[in-house]
Protein backbone atom coordinates (compact mmCIF):
# COMPACT_ATOMS: atom_id res chain seq x y z
CA MET A 1 -21.26 -32.11 39.12
CA THR A 2 -23.94 -31.87 36.21
CA ASP A 3 -21.96 -33.96 33.79
CA ASN A 4 -20.32 -36.60 35.86
CA GLY A 5 -22.38 -40.02 35.49
CA ASP A 6 -21.20 -41.47 38.76
CA ALA A 7 -23.36 -41.75 41.86
CA ALA A 8 -22.90 -38.84 43.60
CA HIS A 9 -21.66 -39.52 47.28
CA LYS A 10 -22.64 -35.46 48.26
CA PRO A 11 -25.69 -34.74 46.51
CA ALA A 12 -26.85 -31.05 45.75
CA SER A 13 -28.89 -29.89 48.44
CA ASP A 14 -32.92 -28.83 47.00
CA THR A 15 -32.05 -25.61 49.17
CA VAL A 16 -28.94 -23.56 48.83
CA ASP A 17 -27.92 -20.81 51.27
CA VAL A 18 -24.74 -19.70 49.17
CA SER A 19 -23.71 -19.86 45.54
CA ILE A 20 -20.18 -19.44 44.65
CA VAL A 21 -19.10 -18.53 41.61
CA VAL A 22 -15.89 -18.71 40.28
CA PRO A 23 -14.79 -17.68 36.73
CA ILE A 24 -11.58 -19.38 35.60
CA TYR A 25 -9.44 -19.42 32.69
CA ASN A 26 -6.32 -21.42 32.15
CA GLU A 27 -6.24 -22.23 35.93
CA GLU A 28 -5.08 -25.71 35.71
CA GLU A 29 -2.54 -25.81 38.65
CA SER A 30 -4.82 -23.83 40.90
CA VAL A 31 -8.34 -25.57 40.49
CA PRO A 32 -7.66 -28.77 42.53
CA GLU A 33 -6.30 -26.86 45.30
CA LEU A 34 -9.18 -24.43 45.17
CA VAL A 35 -11.85 -26.91 44.94
CA LYS A 36 -10.37 -28.72 48.30
CA GLN A 37 -9.97 -25.36 50.07
CA VAL A 38 -13.96 -24.14 49.36
CA GLN A 39 -14.92 -27.89 50.48
CA ALA A 40 -13.09 -27.65 53.45
CA VAL A 41 -14.10 -24.06 54.33
CA MET A 42 -17.75 -24.95 53.78
CA ASP A 43 -18.59 -28.02 55.36
CA ALA A 44 -17.24 -26.58 58.42
CA GLY A 45 -19.88 -24.32 58.07
CA ALA A 46 -23.29 -24.30 58.85
CA TYR A 47 -24.59 -22.99 55.34
CA ARG A 48 -25.92 -25.15 52.47
CA TYR A 49 -24.05 -24.59 49.59
CA GLU A 50 -22.97 -24.89 45.79
CA ALA A 51 -19.97 -24.11 43.82
CA ILE A 52 -20.27 -23.01 40.53
CA PHE A 53 -17.02 -22.92 38.34
CA VAL A 54 -17.55 -21.38 35.05
CA SER A 55 -14.40 -21.87 32.35
CA ASP A 56 -14.10 -19.02 30.34
CA GLY A 57 -12.80 -20.75 27.07
CA SER A 58 -10.18 -22.42 29.04
CA TYR A 59 -7.66 -24.40 26.33
CA ASP A 60 -5.41 -26.28 28.73
CA GLN A 61 -6.38 -28.97 31.55
CA THR A 62 -8.55 -26.83 33.39
CA VAL A 63 -11.66 -28.52 32.90
CA PRO A 64 -10.26 -32.10 33.14
CA ASN A 65 -8.74 -30.69 36.60
CA LEU A 66 -12.12 -29.60 37.58
CA ARG A 67 -13.80 -32.83 36.75
CA ALA A 68 -11.24 -34.87 38.47
CA ALA A 69 -11.16 -32.46 41.98
CA ALA A 70 -15.31 -32.56 41.87
CA ALA A 71 -15.82 -36.09 40.89
CA GLY A 72 -18.47 -37.58 43.50
CA ASP A 73 -19.90 -34.04 44.62
CA GLY A 74 -23.03 -33.02 43.70
CA ARG A 75 -22.90 -29.48 45.23
CA ILE A 76 -19.92 -28.36 42.42
CA THR A 77 -21.08 -27.43 39.12
CA ILE A 78 -18.76 -27.00 36.14
CA LEU A 79 -20.09 -24.68 32.97
CA GLU A 80 -18.02 -24.32 29.93
CA LEU A 81 -18.36 -21.57 27.62
CA MET A 82 -17.90 -22.13 24.24
CA ARG A 83 -14.90 -19.61 24.00
CA ASN A 84 -13.46 -16.67 25.88
CA PHE A 85 -16.07 -14.12 26.65
CA GLY A 86 -14.32 -12.41 29.51
CA GLN A 87 -14.55 -12.26 32.95
CA THR A 88 -17.92 -10.17 33.39
CA ALA A 89 -19.56 -12.55 30.88
CA ALA A 90 -18.67 -16.01 33.10
CA MET A 91 -19.40 -14.17 36.21
CA ALA A 92 -23.07 -13.51 34.81
CA ALA A 93 -23.46 -17.06 33.52
CA GLY A 94 -22.30 -18.13 36.79
CA PHE A 95 -24.88 -15.88 38.57
CA ASP A 96 -28.13 -17.10 36.25
CA ALA A 97 -27.10 -20.61 37.11
CA ALA A 98 -26.55 -19.98 40.80
CA LYS A 99 -29.83 -21.25 42.98
CA GLY A 100 -28.82 -19.80 46.64
CA GLU A 101 -30.00 -16.87 48.45
CA VAL A 102 -26.47 -15.32 48.64
CA ILE A 103 -24.08 -15.55 45.59
CA VAL A 104 -20.61 -15.12 46.51
CA PRO A 105 -18.07 -14.65 43.67
CA MET A 106 -14.15 -15.15 43.83
CA ASP A 107 -11.37 -15.75 41.79
CA GLY A 108 -10.30 -18.87 40.72
CA ASP A 109 -6.42 -18.10 41.14
CA LEU A 110 -6.35 -18.98 45.01
CA GLN A 111 -5.51 -15.18 45.82
CA ASN A 112 -8.97 -14.73 47.53
CA ASP A 113 -9.24 -17.04 50.62
CA PRO A 114 -12.13 -19.16 50.60
CA ALA A 115 -11.98 -18.87 54.64
CA ASP A 116 -13.35 -15.46 54.25
CA ILE A 117 -16.57 -16.75 52.91
CA PRO A 118 -18.63 -17.37 56.19
CA ARG A 119 -17.31 -14.23 57.50
CA LEU A 120 -18.56 -12.07 54.31
CA VAL A 121 -21.87 -13.88 54.36
CA GLY A 122 -22.21 -13.41 58.01
CA LYS A 123 -21.85 -9.66 57.75
CA LEU A 124 -24.83 -9.52 55.65
CA ASP A 125 -26.95 -9.96 58.94
CA GLU A 126 -24.67 -7.40 61.05
CA TYR A 127 -26.30 -4.49 62.00
CA GLY A 128 -27.71 -4.25 65.57
CA ASP A 129 -31.49 -5.94 66.25
CA GLN A 130 -32.30 -5.24 62.73
CA PRO A 131 -31.85 -8.26 60.37
CA GLY A 132 -30.79 -8.60 56.96
CA ALA A 133 -29.42 -4.84 56.95
CA TRP A 134 -26.84 -5.57 54.40
CA ASP A 135 -27.50 -6.54 50.59
CA ILE A 136 -23.58 -6.46 49.76
CA VAL A 137 -20.54 -6.82 51.39
CA SER A 138 -17.55 -5.87 49.47
CA GLY A 139 -13.85 -7.47 49.94
CA TRP A 140 -11.25 -4.96 50.53
CA ARG A 141 -7.53 -6.38 49.93
CA LYS A 142 -6.14 -4.09 52.07
CA ASN A 143 -2.88 -5.81 52.59
CA ARG A 144 -2.74 -6.46 48.55
CA GLN A 145 -0.05 -9.00 47.61
CA ASP A 146 0.45 -8.05 43.74
CA LYS A 147 3.09 -6.01 41.69
CA LEU A 148 3.25 -2.52 42.83
CA TRP A 149 3.45 -0.85 39.46
CA SER A 150 1.67 -3.23 37.48
CA ARG A 151 -1.35 -3.95 39.23
CA ARG A 152 -1.54 -1.89 42.81
CA PHE A 153 -0.45 1.97 41.40
CA PRO A 154 -3.26 1.35 38.69
CA SER A 155 -5.89 -0.29 40.94
CA VAL A 156 -5.47 2.78 43.41
CA ILE A 157 -6.08 5.63 40.95
CA ALA A 158 -8.95 3.65 39.50
CA ASN A 159 -10.63 2.95 42.89
CA LYS A 160 -10.34 7.05 43.81
CA ILE A 161 -11.90 7.87 40.38
CA ILE A 162 -14.77 4.95 40.50
CA LYS A 163 -15.67 6.46 44.31
CA LYS A 164 -15.67 9.59 43.25
CA LEU A 165 -18.03 9.02 40.30
CA THR A 166 -20.54 6.61 41.55
CA TRP A 167 -21.16 7.90 44.96
CA THR A 168 -19.77 4.60 46.71
CA GLY A 169 -16.89 6.25 49.02
CA GLU A 170 -17.49 3.62 51.74
CA ILE A 171 -15.77 0.91 49.17
CA HIS A 172 -12.24 0.62 48.74
CA ASP A 173 -11.33 -2.05 46.35
CA PHE A 174 -13.94 -2.42 43.46
CA GLY A 175 -11.54 -4.78 41.83
CA CYS A 176 -11.94 -7.48 44.43
CA SER A 177 -13.59 -10.16 43.05
CA LEU A 178 -14.68 -11.84 46.38
CA LYS A 179 -17.98 -10.11 47.79
CA ALA A 180 -21.48 -11.53 49.08
CA TYR A 181 -24.48 -10.62 47.43
CA ARG A 182 -27.89 -11.17 48.02
CA ALA A 183 -29.62 -12.52 45.36
CA ILE A 184 -32.33 -10.59 45.08
CA VAL A 185 -30.04 -7.48 44.31
CA LEU A 186 -28.67 -9.13 41.30
CA LYS A 187 -32.29 -9.96 39.97
CA ASP A 188 -32.32 -8.15 36.81
CA VAL A 189 -29.01 -6.82 36.72
CA HIS A 190 -27.41 -7.09 33.43
CA ILE A 191 -23.56 -6.85 33.02
CA TYR A 192 -21.05 -6.26 30.06
CA GLY A 193 -17.46 -5.42 29.37
CA GLU A 194 -16.07 -5.17 32.40
CA MET A 195 -18.81 -3.99 34.68
CA HIS A 196 -18.39 -6.61 37.25
CA ARG A 197 -16.32 -4.48 39.31
CA PHE A 198 -19.15 -1.88 39.06
CA LEU A 199 -21.71 -4.27 40.31
CA PRO A 200 -22.14 -2.76 43.86
CA ALA A 201 -22.55 0.46 42.44
CA ILE A 202 -25.11 -0.30 40.36
CA CYS A 203 -26.83 -2.35 42.93
CA LYS A 204 -26.57 0.66 45.51
CA TRP A 205 -28.43 2.85 42.67
CA ARG A 206 -31.25 0.43 42.60
CA GLY A 207 -31.26 0.79 46.44
CA ALA A 208 -29.03 -1.77 47.81
CA ARG A 209 -27.30 -1.20 51.14
CA VAL A 210 -23.50 -1.87 51.14
CA THR A 211 -20.77 -1.98 53.02
CA GLU A 212 -17.14 -3.77 53.13
CA GLU A 213 -15.26 -6.03 54.85
CA VAL A 214 -11.17 -6.59 55.30
CA VAL A 215 -10.50 -9.94 53.30
CA ASN A 216 -7.20 -12.08 52.85
CA HIS A 217 -5.26 -11.75 50.12
CA ARG A 218 -2.42 -14.13 49.07
CA ALA A 219 0.52 -14.19 46.60
CA ARG A 220 -0.21 -15.69 43.12
CA THR A 221 1.56 -19.17 43.44
CA TYR A 222 0.49 -20.60 39.81
CA GLY A 223 -0.15 -18.99 36.51
CA SER A 224 0.43 -15.57 35.10
CA SER A 225 -2.27 -12.58 35.96
CA LYS A 226 -4.80 -11.95 33.12
CA TYR A 227 -4.64 -8.20 34.00
CA ASN A 228 -2.53 -5.63 32.33
CA LEU A 229 -2.61 -1.60 32.04
CA LYS A 230 -4.85 -1.93 28.92
CA ARG A 231 -7.39 -3.49 31.22
CA THR A 232 -7.48 -0.40 33.06
CA ILE A 233 -8.21 1.76 30.45
CA LYS A 234 -11.02 -0.45 29.61
CA VAL A 235 -12.39 -0.29 32.91
CA LEU A 236 -12.13 3.30 33.10
CA LEU A 237 -14.22 2.91 29.45
CA ASP A 238 -17.05 0.98 31.11
CA LEU A 239 -17.18 3.39 34.01
CA LEU A 240 -18.61 6.30 31.73
CA THR A 241 -21.41 3.81 30.55
CA VAL A 242 -21.72 2.86 34.27
CA LYS A 243 -22.15 6.55 35.30
CA PHE A 244 -24.66 7.58 32.51
CA LEU A 245 -26.71 4.27 33.29
CA GLY A 246 -26.65 4.86 36.83
CA ASP A 247 -27.32 8.64 37.17
CA TYR A 248 -29.47 9.46 33.99
CA LEU A 249 -31.01 5.93 32.55
CA ALA A 250 -34.60 7.14 33.65
CA LYS A 251 -34.00 10.84 32.35
CA PRO A 252 -31.30 11.15 29.83
CA ILE A 253 -32.61 14.53 28.74
CA TYR A 254 -30.82 16.17 31.62
CA PHE A 255 -27.69 14.90 30.76
CA PHE A 256 -28.08 16.15 27.58
CA GLY A 257 -29.83 19.39 28.77
CA LYS A 258 -26.62 20.37 31.05
CA PHE A 259 -24.56 20.47 27.81
CA ALA A 260 -27.35 22.14 25.80
CA GLY A 261 -27.33 25.08 28.47
CA LEU A 262 -23.94 25.40 28.29
CA ALA A 263 -23.59 25.69 24.59
CA PHE A 264 -26.76 28.32 24.79
CA LEU A 265 -24.75 29.96 27.65
CA ILE A 266 -21.87 30.57 25.22
CA THR A 267 -23.67 31.74 22.46
CA PHE A 268 -25.55 34.15 24.49
CA LEU A 269 -21.95 35.69 25.97
CA LEU A 270 -20.72 35.69 22.47
CA MET A 271 -23.14 37.51 21.18
CA VAL A 272 -23.04 40.13 23.70
CA LEU A 273 -19.34 40.10 22.87
CA VAL A 274 -20.25 40.94 19.32
CA ILE A 275 -23.00 43.75 20.15
CA LEU A 276 -20.21 45.66 22.17
CA GLN A 277 -17.35 45.18 19.50
CA LYS A 278 -19.95 46.54 17.25
CA PHE A 279 -20.18 49.82 19.27
CA ASN A 280 -16.02 49.88 19.56
CA VAL A 281 -16.16 48.12 23.02
CA LEU A 282 -13.45 45.59 23.93
CA THR A 283 -12.17 45.90 20.24
CA GLU A 284 -8.40 45.02 19.51
CA HIS A 285 -7.51 47.89 17.55
CA GLY A 286 -9.87 50.80 18.56
CA GLN A 287 -12.19 50.27 15.67
CA PRO A 288 -15.95 48.61 15.97
CA VAL A 289 -16.08 45.31 14.21
CA MET A 290 -18.50 44.85 12.06
CA LEU A 291 -21.15 41.78 12.24
CA ASN A 292 -20.28 40.01 9.02
CA ARG A 293 -16.51 40.36 9.91
CA ASN A 294 -16.66 38.98 13.38
CA VAL A 295 -15.55 35.34 13.65
CA PHE A 296 -17.52 35.67 17.40
CA VAL A 297 -20.81 35.45 15.01
CA THR A 298 -19.75 32.38 13.09
CA ILE A 299 -18.54 30.55 16.77
CA GLY A 300 -21.97 31.69 18.50
CA VAL A 301 -24.08 30.32 15.60
CA PHE A 302 -22.03 26.87 15.90
CA MET A 303 -22.68 26.72 19.38
CA ALA A 304 -26.44 27.53 19.33
CA LEU A 305 -26.75 24.72 16.79
CA THR A 306 -24.95 22.50 19.04
CA GLY A 307 -27.17 23.39 21.75
CA VAL A 308 -30.32 22.63 19.73
CA MET A 309 -28.40 19.10 18.55
CA LEU A 310 -28.20 18.35 22.23
CA LEU A 311 -31.66 18.91 23.02
CA MET A 312 -32.76 16.89 20.32
CA MET A 313 -30.56 14.10 21.45
CA GLY A 314 -31.90 14.20 24.72
CA VAL A 315 -35.52 14.21 23.57
CA LEU A 316 -34.67 11.13 21.29
CA SER A 317 -33.34 9.55 24.04
CA GLU A 318 -36.05 9.96 26.14
CA LEU A 319 -38.50 7.98 23.83
CA ILE A 320 -35.73 5.32 23.43
CA THR A 321 -35.72 5.11 27.39
CA ARG A 322 -39.49 4.53 27.46
CA ILE A 323 -39.61 2.10 24.75
CA TYR A 324 -36.53 0.14 26.84
CA HIS A 325 -38.58 0.10 29.69
CA GLU A 326 -42.12 -0.58 28.25
CA ALA A 327 -40.45 -3.39 26.41
CA GLN A 328 -39.44 -5.33 28.79
CA ASP A 329 -42.17 -4.72 31.03
CA ARG A 330 -39.50 -3.16 33.83
CA PRO A 331 -40.46 -0.56 35.81
CA ALA A 332 -38.03 2.12 37.28
CA TYR A 333 -38.33 0.95 40.77
CA LYS A 334 -37.44 -2.18 42.78
CA VAL A 335 -39.76 -2.98 45.93
CA ARG A 336 -37.84 -4.53 49.03
CA LYS A 337 -40.59 -5.44 50.54
CA ALA A 338 -44.38 -4.68 51.37
CA VAL A 339 -46.31 -4.80 54.72
CA VAL A 340 -50.24 -5.43 55.28
CA GLY A 341 -50.98 -2.91 57.94
CA ASP A 342 -54.88 -4.13 58.05
CA ASP A 343 -54.01 -6.63 61.39
CA PRO A 344 -55.88 -5.20 64.36
CA PRO A 345 -53.73 -3.41 67.15
CA GLY A 346 -52.17 -6.01 69.65
CA SER A 347 -52.41 -9.12 66.94
CA GLY A 348 -48.43 -9.09 66.65
CA GLU A 349 -46.40 -7.95 63.97
CA PRO A 350 -47.79 -6.69 60.35
CA ARG A 351 -47.80 -9.48 58.00
CA THR A 352 -44.76 -9.02 55.34
CA VAL A 353 -46.04 -9.51 51.27
CA GLY A 354 -43.41 -10.44 48.95
CA ALA A 355 -40.24 -9.68 51.21
CA ASP A 356 -37.46 -9.39 48.47
CA HIS A 357 -35.11 -9.28 51.88
CA ALA A 358 -35.86 -12.39 53.56
CA ALA A 359 -32.94 -13.79 55.53
CA PRO A 360 -32.00 -17.10 54.06
CA PRO A 361 -33.12 -20.24 55.46
CA GLY A 362 -30.65 -22.27 57.87
CA SER A 363 -28.25 -21.07 60.33
CA ARG A 364 -26.97 -17.76 60.32
CA PRO A 365 -23.92 -17.47 62.12
CA THR A 366 -22.98 -13.06 62.73
CA GLY A 367 -20.16 -11.73 64.22
CA PRO A 368 -20.52 -8.77 66.84
CA ALA A 369 -23.23 -6.30 65.89
CA THR A 370 -22.28 -3.05 64.70
CA ASP A 371 -23.94 0.11 64.11
CA PRO A 372 -22.81 1.57 60.94
CA THR A 373 -24.90 4.24 58.79
CA PRO A 374 -25.21 3.32 55.37
CA SER A 375 -24.30 6.47 53.36
CA SER A 376 -27.61 7.84 51.25
CA ALA A 377 -27.01 6.83 47.09
CA PRO A 378 -28.15 8.96 44.48
CA GLU A 379 -31.57 8.96 43.08
CA ALA A 380 -31.55 6.95 39.80
CA ALA A 381 -33.34 4.15 37.81
CA SER A 382 -32.15 0.28 37.52
CA ALA A 383 -29.05 0.06 35.58
């Protein structure tokens, strides 16, 4: 633990395979048991790990209880945020502090089962003879232990909408915090609002390969839920931002151009109608309608101006996008790995340079090999 002055009988390892990130907010009753369960599960496995607990402005006994439970274990870090910034910000703080090559976020209320962590991490390497096929394994609370109308029903509706708009049909449960990410796919990804649940979609748009695994979900035994219907509305609003960033960040003029084209089409149709009515076609009382008395002329002019403004917004967005990428010196692509092919034939495998997808060090248990075919994601730039 970072602020513990006592000598740790379980020091932190210089090399970490798995970083477990747990954002918590007023979970004083559950955190001691959670620490014990994480230690028991991970000590029984072959992974070198660290656990990062991020207190998101907790004002009860959460942090003192954490310190007591983690005393003497140098693999556990406690981050205390200055106030309640929200789960997404707390998770981002944990990601920034993580040193592992695989990052596993989970909730701190004991509803996520730490026993699922080795299985999710192991599944990253499950893909026939090809090592490291998956970049993200998303947990699926198939048998969810929550209230039907206040939690499960809104979640089902939200998940269907998110799947439809983000082209991530292989994921059934975006709200499950328990996931396994290769750290490389989270590099340079910034999340705000309630966007932590959209991380698989954001990473997939950047080229990550995503799969899903059913996880155990337990009924809440301590404290009260921090979720409500109002939060579901916030999630749907954030979805609009994620959709725009995923599909149109590199070429925003395509987004505005679609609506501008629709406005110009309506303008054209209205002008045709105006001309026909001037020659007594499609009129209401059998009398021609003069241009200065036809309301469709006004509507057509308005739609034409709207189309021009949308095009100008698209051009300005293109300029802002270029400033955004150039100011950060951040390209609109992400390289998985580069292979040098100048070795003479028969000398063995080509040398790999800058392998972003190297398997984490240490033993990696894997389950039975499977042969899924990852669905293709739409072409988009970094989000």
